[in-house]
Amino acid sequence: MAKAAKREHVWLECKDCGERNYRTEVNVMGGVPKIELKKFCRKERKHTVHKIRRK
C-alpha cells in the first residue's frame, strides 16, 4: 500500500492589496516551494502577482 503524500493547504495572497484570494494544496515533502503566479484579484480588478501564504 502506498503512503499518502505530505500535502498542505496554503493560500495565494495578492502582493498589491494583501487579500488572500485562492486556496490550493502544495507538496511539502522537500520544504514549501516559493511560488509566484499571476492570478486575477477581485479587489484590484486585474491580474496581479500572488504569493504563497500559510494560514
PDB file of N, CA and C in Angstrom:
ATOM      1  N   MET A   1       0.836  -1.177   0.000  1.00  0.00           N
ATOM      2  CA  MET A   1       0.000   0.000   0.000  1.00  0.00           C
ATOM      3  C   MET A   1       0.885   1.246   0.000  1.00  0.00           C
ATOM      4  N   ALA A   2       0.562   2.203  -0.842  1.00  0.00           N
ATOM      5  CA  ALA A   2       1.374   3.410  -0.980  1.00  0.00           C
ATOM      6  C   ALA A   2       1.098   4.390   0.159  1.00  0.00           C
ATOM      7  N   LYS A   3       2.132   5.127   0.546  1.00  0.00           N
ATOM      8  CA  LYS A   3       1.974   6.144   1.576  1.00  0.00           C
ATOM      9  C   LYS A   3       1.270   7.365   0.988  1.00  0.00           C
ATOM     10  N   ALA A   4       0.564   8.071   1.829  1.00  0.00           N
ATOM     11  CA  ALA A   4      -0.088   9.306   1.397  1.00  0.00           C
ATOM     12  C   ALA A   4       0.969  10.399   1.270  1.00  0.00           C
ATOM     13  N   ALA A   5       0.837  11.209   0.231  1.00  0.00           N
ATOM     14  CA  ALA A   5       1.777  12.309   0.024  1.00  0.00           C
ATOM     15  C   ALA A   5       1.571  13.375   1.092  1.00  0.00           C
ATOM     16  N   LYS A   6       2.648  13.989   1.527  1.00  0.00           N
ATOM     17  CA  LYS A   6       2.543  15.055   2.533  1.00  0.00           C
ATOM     18  C   LYS A   6       2.193  16.348   1.818  1.00  0.00           C
ATOM     19  N   ARG A   7       0.942  16.714   1.909  1.00  0.00           N
ATOM     20  CA  ARG A   7       0.449  17.907   1.236  1.00  0.00           C
ATOM     21  C   ARG A   7      -0.163  18.836   2.275  1.00  0.00           C
ATOM     22  N   GLU A   8      -0.126  20.114   1.968  1.00  0.00           N
ATOM     23  CA  GLU A   8      -0.614  21.114   2.908  1.00  0.00           C
ATOM     24  C   GLU A   8      -1.426  22.162   2.156  1.00  0.00           C
ATOM     25  N   HIS A   9      -2.511  22.629   2.773  1.00  0.00           N
ATOM     26  CA  HIS A   9      -3.311  23.692   2.190  1.00  0.00           C
ATOM     27  C   HIS A   9      -2.640  25.033   2.457  1.00  0.00           C
ATOM     28  N   VAL A  10      -2.502  25.843   1.417  1.00  0.00           N
ATOM     29  CA  VAL A  10      -1.925  27.183   1.544  1.00  0.00           C
ATOM     30  C   VAL A  10      -2.814  28.163   0.786  1.00  0.00           C
ATOM     31  N   TRP A  11      -2.669  29.436   1.098  1.00  0.00           N
ATOM     32  CA  TRP A  11      -3.416  30.498   0.432  1.00  0.00           C
ATOM     33  C   TRP A  11      -2.506  31.235  -0.523  1.00  0.00           C
ATOM     34  N   LEU A  12      -3.063  31.739  -1.626  1.00  0.00           N
ATOM     35  CA  LEU A  12      -2.332  32.613  -2.530  1.00  0.00           C
ATOM     36  C   LEU A  12      -2.783  34.033  -2.237  1.00  0.00           C
ATOM     37  N   GLU A  13      -1.839  34.869  -1.838  1.00  0.00           N
ATOM     38  CA  GLU A  13      -2.136  36.235  -1.412  1.00  0.00           C
ATOM     39  C   GLU A  13      -1.631  37.229  -2.450  1.00  0.00           C
ATOM     40  N   CYS A  14      -2.459  38.224  -2.756  1.00  0.00           N
ATOM     41  CA  CYS A  14      -2.105  39.272  -3.700  1.00  0.00           C
ATOM     42  C   CYS A  14      -0.985  40.129  -3.099  1.00  0.00           C
ATOM     43  N   LYS A  15       0.060  40.406  -3.897  1.00  0.00           N
ATOM     44  CA  LYS A  15       1.171  41.220  -3.394  1.00  0.00           C
ATOM     45  C   LYS A  15       0.801  42.694  -3.317  1.00  0.00           C
ATOM     46  N   ASP A  16      -0.178  43.137  -4.119  1.00  0.00           N
ATOM     47  CA  ASP A  16      -0.548  44.548  -4.131  1.00  0.00           C
ATOM     48  C   ASP A  16      -1.455  44.921  -2.961  1.00  0.00           C
ATOM     49  N   CYS A  17      -2.574  44.201  -2.813  1.00  0.00           N
ATOM     50  CA  CYS A  17      -3.549  44.583  -1.792  1.00  0.00           C
ATOM     51  C   CYS A  17      -3.485  43.713  -0.538  1.00  0.00           C
ATOM     52  N   GLY A  18      -2.844  42.544  -0.595  1.00  0.00           N
ATOM     53  CA  GLY A  18      -2.710  41.690   0.580  1.00  0.00           C
ATOM     54  C   GLY A  18      -3.893  40.787   0.847  1.00  0.00           C
ATOM     55  N   GLU A  19      -4.860  40.743  -0.058  1.00  0.00           N
ATOM     56  CA  GLU A  19      -6.036  39.897   0.137  1.00  0.00           C
ATOM     57  C   GLU A  19      -5.722  38.468  -0.298  1.00  0.00           C
ATOM     58  N   ARG A  20      -6.193  37.497   0.492  1.00  0.00           N
ATOM     59  CA  ARG A  20      -5.987  36.089   0.171  1.00  0.00           C
ATOM     60  C   ARG A  20      -7.160  35.613  -0.662  1.00  0.00           C
ATOM     61  N   ASN A  21      -6.903  35.339  -1.936  1.00  0.00           N
ATOM     62  CA  ASN A  21      -7.969  35.063  -2.888  1.00  0.00           C
ATOM     63  C   ASN A  21      -8.139  33.584  -3.223  1.00  0.00           C
ATOM     64  N   TYR A  22      -7.070  32.821  -3.240  1.00  0.00           N
ATOM     65  CA  TYR A  22      -7.131  31.439  -3.695  1.00  0.00           C
ATOM     66  C   TYR A  22      -6.547  30.508  -2.654  1.00  0.00           C
ATOM     67  N   ARG A  23      -7.091  29.285  -2.591  1.00  0.00           N
ATOM     68  CA  ARG A  23      -6.583  28.257  -1.697  1.00  0.00           C
ATOM     69  C   ARG A  23      -6.177  27.062  -2.554  1.00  0.00           C
ATOM     70  N   THR A  24      -5.010  26.492  -2.268  1.00  0.00           N
ATOM     71  CA  THR A  24      -4.513  25.375  -3.046  1.00  0.00           C
ATOM     72  C   THR A  24      -3.715  24.440  -2.150  1.00  0.00           C
ATOM     73  N   GLU A  25      -3.327  23.290  -2.684  1.00  0.00           N
ATOM     74  CA  GLU A  25      -2.501  22.322  -1.966  1.00  0.00           C
ATOM     75  C   GLU A  25      -1.118  22.297  -2.590  1.00  0.00           C
ATOM     76  N   VAL A  26      -0.090  22.188  -1.746  1.00  0.00           N
ATOM     77  CA  VAL A  26       1.275  22.044  -2.236  1.00  0.00           C
ATOM     78  C   VAL A  26       1.927  20.860  -1.542  1.00  0.00           C
ATOM     79  N   ASN A  27       2.900  20.266  -2.207  1.00  0.00           N
ATOM     80  CA  ASN A  27       3.656  19.160  -1.657  1.00  0.00           C
ATOM     81  C   ASN A  27       4.758  19.735  -0.775  1.00  0.00           C
ATOM     82  N   VAL A  28       4.793  19.383   0.501  1.00  0.00           N
ATOM     83  CA  VAL A  28       5.765  19.933   1.437  1.00  0.00           C
ATOM     84  C   VAL A  28       6.834  18.911   1.814  1.00  0.00           C
ATOM     85  N   MET A  29       7.013  17.906   0.996  1.00  0.00           N
ATOM     86  CA  MET A  29       7.986  16.856   1.283  1.00  0.00           C
ATOM     87  C   MET A  29       9.404  17.420   1.358  1.00  0.00           C
ATOM     88  N   GLY A  30       9.797  18.273   0.422  1.00  0.00           N
ATOM     89  CA  GLY A  30      11.146  18.832   0.421  1.00  0.00           C
ATOM     90  C   GLY A  30      11.157  20.284   0.853  1.00  0.00           C
ATOM     91  N   GLY A  31      10.171  20.723   1.613  1.00  0.00           N
ATOM     92  CA  GLY A  31      10.043  22.119   2.007  1.00  0.00           C
ATOM     93  C   GLY A  31       8.983  22.795   1.151  1.00  0.00           C
ATOM     94  N   VAL A  32       8.493  23.917   1.607  1.00  0.00           N
ATOM     95  CA  VAL A  32       7.443  24.622   0.875  1.00  0.00           C
ATOM     96  C   VAL A  32       8.069  25.361  -0.309  1.00  0.00           C
ATOM     97  N   PRO A  33       7.554  25.141  -1.531  1.00  0.00           N
ATOM     98  CA  PRO A  33       8.118  25.839  -2.689  1.00  0.00           C
ATOM     99  C   PRO A  33       7.757  27.314  -2.680  1.00  0.00           C
ATOM    100  N   LYS A  34       8.599  28.118  -3.305  1.00  0.00           N
ATOM    101  CA  LYS A  34       8.328  29.547  -3.413  1.00  0.00           C
ATOM    102  C   LYS A  34       7.665  29.777  -4.763  1.00  0.00           C
ATOM    103  N   ILE A  35       6.348  29.896  -4.741  1.00  0.00           N
ATOM    104  CA  ILE A  35       5.571  30.034  -5.971  1.00  0.00           C
ATOM    105  C   ILE A  35       5.023  31.445  -6.077  1.00  0.00           C
ATOM    106  N   GLU A  36       5.154  32.025  -7.255  1.00  0.00           N
ATOM    107  CA  GLU A  36       4.526  33.308  -7.568  1.00  0.00           C
ATOM    108  C   GLU A  36       3.781  33.141  -8.880  1.00  0.00           C
ATOM    109  N   LEU A  37       2.478  33.374  -8.853  1.00  0.00           N
ATOM    110  CA  LEU A  37       1.633  33.215 -10.030  1.00  0.00           C
ATOM    111  C   LEU A  37       0.882  34.500 -10.310  1.00  0.00           C
ATOM    112  N   LYS A  38       0.594  34.752 -11.577  1.00  0.00           N
ATOM    113  CA  LYS A  38      -0.258  35.879 -11.934  1.00  0.00           C
ATOM    114  C   LYS A  38      -1.689  35.374 -11.959  1.00  0.00           C
ATOM    115  N   LYS A  39      -2.500  35.849 -11.012  1.00  0.00           N
ATOM    116  CA  LYS A  39      -3.899  35.446 -10.903  1.00  0.00           C
ATOM    117  C   LYS A  39      -4.762  36.701 -10.845  1.00  0.00           C
ATOM    118  N   PHE A  40      -6.064  36.534 -11.031  1.00  0.00           N
ATOM    119  CA  PHE A  40      -6.984  37.662 -11.009  1.00  0.00           C
ATOM    120  C   PHE A  40      -7.325  38.031  -9.572  1.00  0.00           C
ATOM    121  N   CYS A  41      -7.195  39.310  -9.238  1.00  0.00           N
ATOM    122  CA  CYS A  41      -7.550  39.826  -7.911  1.00  0.00           C
ATOM    123  C   CYS A  41      -8.877  40.559  -8.039  1.00  0.00           C
ATOM    124  N   ARG A  42      -9.869  40.127  -7.254  1.00  0.00           N
ATOM    125  CA  ARG A  42     -11.191  40.750  -7.332  1.00  0.00           C
ATOM    126  C   ARG A  42     -11.191  42.166  -6.786  1.00  0.00           C
ATOM    127  N   LYS A  43     -10.353  42.426  -5.789  1.00  0.00           N
ATOM    128  CA  LYS A  43     -10.308  43.758  -5.194  1.00  0.00           C
ATOM    129  C   LYS A  43      -9.656  44.770  -6.145  1.00  0.00           C
ATOM    130  N   GLU A  44      -8.560  44.369  -6.783  1.00  0.00           N
ATOM    131  CA  GLU A  44      -7.858  45.235  -7.725  1.00  0.00           C
ATOM    132  C   GLU A  44      -8.523  45.242  -9.106  1.00  0.00           C
ATOM    133  N   ARG A  45      -9.295  44.207  -9.400  1.00  0.00           N
ATOM    134  CA  ARG A  45      -9.974  44.012 -10.685  1.00  0.00           C
ATOM    135  C   ARG A  45      -8.997  43.931 -11.856  1.00  0.00           C
ATOM    136  N   LYS A  46      -7.875  43.234 -11.615  1.00  0.00           N
ATOM    137  CA  LYS A  46      -6.895  42.990 -12.668  1.00  0.00           C
ATOM    138  C   LYS A  46      -6.013  41.813 -12.260  1.00  0.00           C
ATOM    139  N   HIS A  47      -5.200  41.336 -13.183  1.00  0.00           N
ATOM    140  CA  HIS A  47      -4.279  40.251 -12.893  1.00  0.00           C
ATOM    141  C   HIS A  47      -3.050  40.810 -12.178  1.00  0.00           C
ATOM    142  N   THR A  48      -2.737  40.220 -11.025  1.00  0.00           N
ATOM    143  CA  THR A  48      -1.582  40.640 -10.230  1.00  0.00           C
ATOM    144  C   THR A  48      -0.809  39.417  -9.790  1.00  0.00           C
ATOM    145  N   VAL A  49       0.376  39.623  -9.263  1.00  0.00           N
ATOM    146  CA  VAL A  49       1.210  38.530  -8.767  1.00  0.00           C
ATOM    147  C   VAL A  49       0.679  38.089  -7.402  1.00  0.00           C
ATOM    148  N   HIS A  50       0.509  36.781  -7.240  1.00  0.00           N
ATOM    149  CA  HIS A  50       0.065  36.196  -5.971  1.00  0.00           C
ATOM    150  C   HIS A  50       1.178  35.295  -5.451  1.00  0.00           C
ATOM    151  N   LYS A  51       1.385  35.311  -4.128  1.00  0.00           N
ATOM    152  CA  LYS A  51       2.443  34.567  -3.481  1.00  0.00           C
ATOM    153  C   LYS A  51       1.847  33.658  -2.416  1.00  0.00           C
ATOM    154  N   ILE A  52       2.534  32.568  -2.098  1.00  0.00           N
ATOM    155  CA  ILE A  52       2.051  31.604  -1.098  1.00  0.00           C
ATOM    156  C   ILE A  52       2.118  32.212   0.299  1.00  0.00           C
ATOM    157  N   ARG A  53       1.042  32.038   1.057  1.00  0.00           N
ATOM    158  CA  ARG A  53       0.984  32.414   2.474  1.00  0.00           C
ATOM    159  C   ARG A  53       0.327  31.272   3.223  1.00  0.00           C
ATOM    160  N   ARG A  54       0.888  30.951   4.374  1.00  0.00           N
ATOM    161  CA  ARG A  54       0.267  29.941   5.235  1.00  0.00           C
ATOM    162  C   ARG A  54      -0.712  30.607   6.165  1.00  0.00           C
ATOM    163  N   LYS A  55      -1.767  29.901   6.515  1.00  0.00           N
ATOM    164  CA  LYS A  55      -2.800  30.455   7.392  1.00  0.00           C
ATOM    165  C   LYS A  55      -2.334  30.424   8.817  1.00  0.00           C
TER     166      LYS A  55
END
